[in-house]
Protein backbone atom coordinates (compact mmCIF):
# COMPACT_ATOMS: atom_id res chain seq x y z
CA MET A 1 -3.66 -14.40 14.38
CA LYS A 2 -2.58 -10.91 13.40
CA ARG A 3 -4.82 -8.92 11.10
CA ILE A 4 -3.22 -7.69 7.91
CA SER A 5 -4.15 -4.14 7.01
CA LEU A 6 -6.21 -3.73 3.85
CA PRO A 7 -3.49 -1.98 1.77
CA ILE A 8 -0.99 -4.71 2.56
CA ALA A 9 -3.54 -7.40 1.70
CA PHE A 10 -4.17 -5.80 -1.70
CA LEU A 11 -0.45 -5.42 -2.24
CA LEU A 12 0.05 -9.12 -1.63
CA ALA A 13 -2.92 -10.02 -3.82
CA SER A 14 -1.60 -8.01 -6.74
CA LEU A 15 1.79 -9.71 -6.73
CA PHE A 16 0.59 -12.17 -9.31
CA VAL A 17 -0.30 -9.76 -12.13
CA PRO A 18 0.87 -11.38 -15.35
CA VAL A 19 3.04 -9.37 -17.71
CA THR A 20 0.55 -9.85 -20.55
CA GLN A 21 -2.03 -7.72 -18.73
CA ALA A 22 0.52 -4.93 -18.41
CA ASN A 23 1.42 -4.66 -22.09
CA ASP A 24 -1.06 -1.87 -22.77
CA ASP A 25 0.18 0.87 -20.47
CA PRO A 26 3.91 1.46 -19.93
CA GLU A 27 3.19 4.83 -18.27
CA HIS A 28 1.18 3.05 -15.59
CA LEU A 29 4.07 0.67 -14.94
CA ILE A 30 6.52 3.56 -14.56
CA GLN A 31 4.20 5.36 -12.14
CA SER A 32 3.55 2.14 -10.23
CA CYS A 33 7.25 1.45 -9.83
CA GLN A 34 7.76 5.03 -8.65
CA GLU A 35 5.11 4.36 -6.01
CA LEU A 36 6.85 1.14 -4.98
CA VAL A 37 10.20 2.88 -4.58
CA ASP A 38 8.52 5.66 -2.55
CA ILE A 39 6.88 3.12 -0.23
CA TYR A 40 10.21 1.41 0.39
CA ALA A 41 11.82 4.79 1.08
CA LYS A 42 9.06 5.55 3.61
CA ARG A 43 9.56 2.14 5.16
CA ASP A 44 13.25 2.80 5.66
CA GLN A 45 12.50 6.19 7.21
CA GLN A 46 9.52 5.25 9.36
CA ARG A 47 9.91 1.50 9.87
CA LEU A 48 6.57 0.07 11.01
CA LEU A 49 4.55 3.19 10.25
CA ALA A 50 5.07 2.86 6.49
CA GLY A 51 2.40 0.16 6.22
CA VAL A 52 -0.08 2.29 8.11
CA ALA A 53 0.77 5.46 6.14
CA THR A 54 0.43 3.71 2.78
CA GLY A 55 -2.95 4.25 1.15
CA LEU A 56 -4.90 1.62 -0.73
CA SER A 57 -4.27 3.08 -4.19
CA GLU A 58 -0.55 3.43 -3.45
CA ALA A 59 -0.37 -0.18 -2.30
CA LEU A 60 -2.21 -1.39 -5.40
CA ARG A 61 0.12 0.48 -7.74
CA ALA A 62 3.18 -0.76 -5.87
CA GLY A 63 1.86 -4.32 -5.96
CA TYR A 64 1.22 -4.01 -9.68
CA CYS A 65 4.85 -3.03 -10.28
CA MET A 66 6.16 -5.78 -8.03
CA GLY A 67 3.99 -8.40 -9.72
CA VAL A 68 4.88 -7.36 -13.27
CA VAL A 69 8.61 -7.23 -12.52
CA ASP A 70 8.52 -10.55 -10.67
CA GLU A 71 6.62 -12.27 -13.48
CA TYR A 72 9.05 -10.89 -16.07
CA ARG A 73 12.00 -12.21 -14.03
CA ARG A 74 10.42 -15.68 -13.94
CA ARG A 75 10.36 -15.83 -17.72
CA TYR A 76 13.55 -13.98 -18.65
CA GLU A 77 17.08 -13.86 -17.33
CA CYS A 78 18.04 -10.45 -16.01
CA ALA A 79 21.42 -8.81 -15.41
CA THR A 80 20.20 -7.02 -12.28
CA ASP A 81 20.69 -8.60 -8.87
CA ASP A 82 17.11 -8.50 -7.65
CA TRP A 83 13.57 -7.45 -8.53
CA PHE A 84 13.76 -4.22 -6.50
CA THR A 85 16.79 -2.99 -8.45
CA GLN A 86 14.89 -3.60 -11.66
CA ALA A 87 11.81 -1.81 -10.29
CA GLN A 88 14.01 1.16 -9.34
CA ARG A 89 15.32 1.30 -12.89
CA VAL A 90 11.79 1.33 -14.29
CA ALA A 91 10.86 4.07 -11.80
CA GLU A 92 13.80 6.21 -12.94
CA MET A 93 12.46 6.30 -16.51
CA PRO A 94 10.52 9.46 -17.33
CA VAL A 95 6.76 8.92 -17.64
CA SER A 96 6.93 10.72 -21.00
CA PHE A 97 9.01 7.79 -22.24
CA GLY A 98 6.00 5.49 -21.84
CA PRO A 99 4.12 6.35 -25.05
CA ARG A 100 7.21 5.62 -27.14
CA THR A 101 7.71 2.08 -25.86
CA SER A 102 5.95 -1.02 -24.54
CA VAL A 103 5.94 -2.62 -21.11
CA ASP A 104 8.08 -5.49 -22.40
CA GLU A 105 10.64 -3.03 -23.78
CA LEU A 106 10.72 -1.12 -20.47
CA LEU A 107 11.32 -4.33 -18.58
CA GLU A 108 14.00 -5.44 -21.02
CA MET A 109 15.80 -2.09 -20.73
CA SER A 110 15.59 -2.15 -16.94
CA CYS A 111 17.13 -5.61 -16.98
CA GLU A 112 20.13 -4.69 -19.10
CA ILE A 113 21.23 -1.46 -17.47
């Protein structure tokens, strides 16, 4: 059996973060989605080395974004094609936008664009 590296294991474990836990900190969601997009960009550039080059805190933030977006998509219909497109849209929002909105509003906006 292959061993899964620790960052990937935490990433997988954090996929199931419910949206209700995320409602307090929209800035954290934006930063987490930025981390997720960066990890995927590294993966495309470096292929297999992206998992090794990804630190634990990066993996946790990326997993948080993935879990929140996935949970939102389970409960609400979204105009975007897939979860990653929605995560990219959240990541494109300026962090300074966070204090003026909620996580649910960010997710709703990222769904409609």
